[in-house]
């Protein structure tokens, strides 16, 4: 019911910046949360940041002060601005959209985009 398309990943040197985008389409009514997760090789998928429909944000401690999550409701798009990138930020980044309809909650995931930080 909801399709997500991610973009913006790539290769960047340590200290550089990237901006990820995730555009939602389909049944975008009643979206309650949009966020970003990442998974590094050999590691569990972890929360990076999320923003609720009301605008409240939450960040992993490892990215606070460096990453900023934002959204454009008119475009049904969530962004992740990543600054001061570190080697340990290297991972596949996944967009998450959460939707609540008829007392049911649904999670939708993007295809993932690779972020590689080099020295």
Protein backbone atom coordinates (compact mmCIF):
# COMPACT_ATOMS: atom_id res chain seq x y z
CA UNK A 1 0.00 0.00 0.00
CA UNK A 2 2.98 2.28 0.54
CA UNK A 3 6.02 2.26 -1.70
CA UNK A 4 9.29 3.89 -0.71
CA UNK A 5 12.11 5.01 -2.96
CA UNK A 6 15.43 5.94 -1.38
CA UNK A 7 18.20 7.98 -2.91
CA UNK A 8 21.31 9.91 -1.96
CA UNK A 9 23.72 7.23 -0.85
CA UNK A 10 27.26 6.99 -2.10
CA UNK A 11 30.93 7.20 -1.29
CA UNK A 12 32.22 10.10 0.76
CA UNK A 13 35.40 10.88 2.65
CA UNK A 14 35.43 11.14 6.42
CA UNK A 15 34.27 14.56 7.50
CA UNK A 16 32.07 14.96 4.46
CA UNK A 17 28.32 15.12 4.10
CA UNK A 18 25.50 13.27 2.39
CA UNK A 19 21.77 13.83 2.22
CA UNK A 20 19.45 10.85 1.97
CA UNK A 21 15.91 11.11 0.67
CA UNK A 22 12.98 8.74 0.94
CA UNK A 23 9.82 9.44 -1.02
CA UNK A 24 6.59 7.65 -0.14
CA UNK A 25 3.79 6.96 -2.57
CA UNK A 26 0.55 5.00 -2.58
CA UNK A 27 -1.60 5.03 0.55
CA UNK A 28 0.22 7.81 2.36
CA UNK A 29 -2.71 8.87 4.52
CA UNK A 30 -2.38 8.28 8.26
CA UNK A 31 1.40 8.04 8.35
CA UNK A 32 2.43 8.28 11.99
CA UNK A 33 6.21 8.05 11.80
CA UNK A 34 9.05 8.20 9.32
CA UNK A 35 12.59 7.23 10.09
CA UNK A 36 15.97 5.87 9.14
CA UNK A 37 17.74 2.70 10.19
CA UNK A 38 21.11 1.36 9.18
CA UNK A 39 22.86 -1.97 9.09
CA UNK A 40 26.61 -2.41 8.91
CA UNK A 41 28.26 -5.70 7.90
CA UNK A 42 28.01 -8.21 10.72
CA UNK A 43 25.85 -5.88 12.80
CA UNK A 44 22.19 -5.69 13.74
CA UNK A 45 19.97 -3.12 12.11
CA UNK A 46 19.80 -0.07 14.36
CA UNK A 47 17.76 3.08 14.64
CA UNK A 48 19.43 6.20 13.31
CA UNK A 49 16.63 8.74 13.64
CA UNK A 50 12.90 9.10 13.36
CA UNK A 51 10.33 11.86 13.23
CA UNK A 52 6.67 11.52 14.20
CA UNK A 53 3.70 13.02 12.42
CA UNK A 54 3.67 15.71 15.10
CA UNK A 55 7.27 16.63 14.39
CA UNK A 56 8.98 15.07 17.39
CA UNK A 57 12.43 13.69 16.60
CA UNK A 58 14.66 11.07 18.12
CA UNK A 59 18.28 10.22 17.36
CA UNK A 60 20.72 7.50 18.18
CA UNK A 61 23.40 8.75 20.54
CA UNK A 62 26.07 7.98 17.96
CA UNK A 63 24.66 10.50 15.47
CA UNK A 64 23.39 13.28 17.70
CA UNK A 65 24.81 16.62 16.68
CA UNK A 66 25.86 15.31 13.28
CA UNK A 67 22.68 14.04 11.61
CA UNK A 68 19.39 15.84 11.13
CA UNK A 69 16.10 14.24 10.13
CA UNK A 70 13.43 16.31 8.46
CA UNK A 71 10.33 15.81 6.36
CA UNK A 72 8.27 17.51 3.71
CA UNK A 73 4.65 16.55 4.22
CA UNK A 74 3.55 17.99 0.89
CA UNK A 75 6.01 15.73 -0.91
CA UNK A 76 5.61 12.75 1.43
CA UNK A 77 9.36 12.69 1.75
CA UNK A 78 11.73 12.25 4.68
CA UNK A 79 15.36 13.34 4.60
CA UNK A 80 18.48 12.55 6.55
CA UNK A 81 21.21 15.17 6.44
CA UNK A 82 24.47 13.53 7.49
CA UNK A 83 27.38 15.78 8.37
CA UNK A 84 30.84 15.11 9.78
CA UNK A 85 30.64 11.54 8.58
CA UNK A 86 32.82 8.95 10.25
CA UNK A 87 34.12 5.58 9.10
CA UNK A 88 31.72 3.87 11.48
CA UNK A 89 28.77 5.45 9.67
CA UNK A 90 29.37 3.06 6.78
CA UNK A 91 26.24 0.95 6.38
CA UNK A 92 23.17 0.31 4.31
CA UNK A 93 20.57 2.88 5.28
CA UNK A 94 16.90 1.93 5.21
CA UNK A 95 13.90 4.22 5.27
CA UNK A 96 10.94 3.27 7.47
CA UNK A 97 7.39 4.56 7.20
CA UNK A 98 4.83 3.62 9.82
CA UNK A 99 1.11 3.84 9.10
CA UNK A 100 -1.85 3.40 11.44
CA UNK A 101 -5.21 2.45 9.91
CA UNK A 102 -8.28 0.80 11.46
CA UNK A 103 -6.48 0.10 14.74
CA UNK A 104 -3.67 -1.63 12.86
CA UNK A 105 -0.10 -0.51 12.44
CA UNK A 106 1.93 -1.22 9.33
CA UNK A 107 5.64 -0.81 8.70
CA UNK A 108 7.03 -0.17 5.24
CA UNK A 109 10.71 -0.34 4.34
CA UNK A 110 12.72 1.20 1.57
CA UNK A 111 15.11 -0.80 -0.57
CA UNK A 112 18.18 0.48 1.23
CA UNK A 113 20.95 2.74 0.03
CA UNK A 114 24.66 2.19 0.62
CA UNK A 115 26.65 4.83 2.45
CA UNK A 116 30.40 4.28 2.46
CA UNK A 117 32.73 6.59 4.35
CA UNK A 118 36.41 6.37 3.46
CA UNK A 119 39.58 7.81 4.94
